[in-house]
Protein backbone atom coordinates (compact mmCIF):
# COMPACT_ATOMS: atom_id res chain seq x y z
CA MET A 1 0.00 0.00 0.00
CA GLY A 2 1.19 3.42 -0.83
CA LYS A 3 0.86 6.52 1.26
CA LYS A 4 -1.37 9.27 0.06
CA ARG A 5 0.30 12.59 -0.31
CA LYS A 6 -1.47 15.78 0.48
CA GLN A 7 -1.21 18.29 -2.25
CA GLY A 8 -0.30 21.79 -1.06
CA GLN A 9 -2.65 24.50 -2.17
CA LYS A 10 -1.07 26.90 -4.55
CA GLN A 11 -2.12 30.45 -3.96
CA THR A 12 -3.41 32.09 -7.03
CA PRO A 13 -3.55 35.85 -7.37
CA SER A 14 -7.29 35.79 -6.75
CA SER A 15 -6.86 34.00 -3.39
CA GLN A 16 -4.16 36.48 -2.38
CA LEU A 17 -6.55 39.30 -3.24
CA ALA A 18 -9.23 37.72 -1.08
CA LYS A 19 -6.82 37.55 1.87
CA THR A 20 -5.99 41.23 1.61
CA GLU A 21 -9.69 42.08 1.49
CA GLU A 22 -10.27 39.98 4.62
CA THR A 23 -7.57 41.85 6.51
CA LEU A 24 -9.34 45.17 6.02
CA THR A 25 -11.05 46.20 9.19
CA LEU A 26 -14.28 48.05 9.60
CA GLN A 27 -12.30 51.13 10.58
CA ASP A 28 -10.45 50.98 7.26
CA GLN A 29 -13.69 50.75 5.33
CA LEU A 30 -15.49 53.65 7.05
CA ASN A 31 -14.95 57.30 6.34
CA GLY A 32 -13.37 59.46 9.00
CA ASP A 33 -16.62 61.39 9.51
CA VAL A 34 -18.67 58.28 10.18
CA LEU A 35 -16.01 56.92 12.52
CA ALA A 36 -15.87 60.18 14.47
CA LYS A 37 -19.67 60.24 14.80
CA LEU A 38 -19.70 56.67 16.06
CA LYS A 39 -17.02 57.43 18.65
CA ALA A 40 -18.93 60.53 19.81
CA ALA A 41 -22.14 58.49 20.11
CA LYS A 42 -20.33 55.83 22.12
CA LYS A 43 -18.86 58.45 24.44
CA SER A 44 -22.26 60.05 25.04
CA LEU A 45 -23.84 56.66 25.76
CA VAL A 46 -21.12 55.85 28.29
CA GLU A 47 -21.62 59.22 29.98
CA ASP A 48 -25.39 58.67 30.11
CA GLU A 49 -24.91 55.25 31.70
CA GLN A 50 -22.57 56.70 34.32
CA ALA A 51 -25.05 59.49 35.13
CA LYS A 52 -27.89 56.96 35.48
CA GLU A 53 -25.78 54.79 37.78
CA GLU A 54 -24.89 57.78 39.99
CA GLU A 55 -28.56 58.78 40.19
CA ARG A 56 -29.53 55.22 41.12
CA GLN A 57 -26.91 55.09 43.89
CA ALA A 58 -28.05 58.46 45.27
CA ARG A 59 -31.69 57.34 45.20
CA LEU A 60 -30.84 54.12 47.07
CA VAL A 61 -29.00 56.05 49.77
CA PHE A 62 -31.91 58.49 50.10
CA GLU A 63 -34.46 55.67 50.34
CA ARG A 64 -32.39 53.86 52.97
CA LYS A 65 -32.18 57.02 55.08
CA GLN A 66 -35.93 57.60 54.70
CA ARG A 67 -36.72 54.04 55.80
CA GLU A 68 -34.50 54.39 58.86
CA LYS A 69 -35.97 57.82 59.65
CA ASN A 70 -39.50 56.41 59.54
CA MET A 71 -38.76 53.36 61.72
CA SER A 72 -40.72 52.99 64.91
CA PHE A 73 -38.99 52.65 68.26
CA GLU A 74 -39.67 48.92 68.24
CA GLU A 75 -38.04 48.45 64.83
CA LEU A 76 -35.00 50.47 65.88
CA LEU A 77 -34.68 48.40 69.05
CA GLU A 78 -34.85 45.17 67.04
CA LYS A 79 -32.27 46.40 64.56
CA TYR A 80 -29.74 47.88 66.96
CA GLY A 81 -30.69 46.14 70.20
CA ASP A 82 -27.92 46.13 72.81
CA GLN A 83 -25.29 47.58 70.50
CA GLY A 84 -25.47 51.01 72.09
CA SER A 85 -22.95 52.01 74.73
CA LYS A 86 -24.08 52.41 78.30
CA PHE A 87 -22.88 55.43 80.25
């Protein structure tokens, strides 16, 4: 029995052209104006997300303080119990 030999693929000019087209990135294909607009949109979205997160954190802190402010004496005693210092 003879061994089968694998034939190496010869690269034709058309396959080399396809490789160079594959290496082009999206940034290479877009105009500078479009790329700048996309970057500006991304930056504004990130800033909006950060602002929303800060607002959410502030609201949570406010709500926690309001809940504690509105606790009855019994609830405060249950929560803090004997943790207070005695004179």
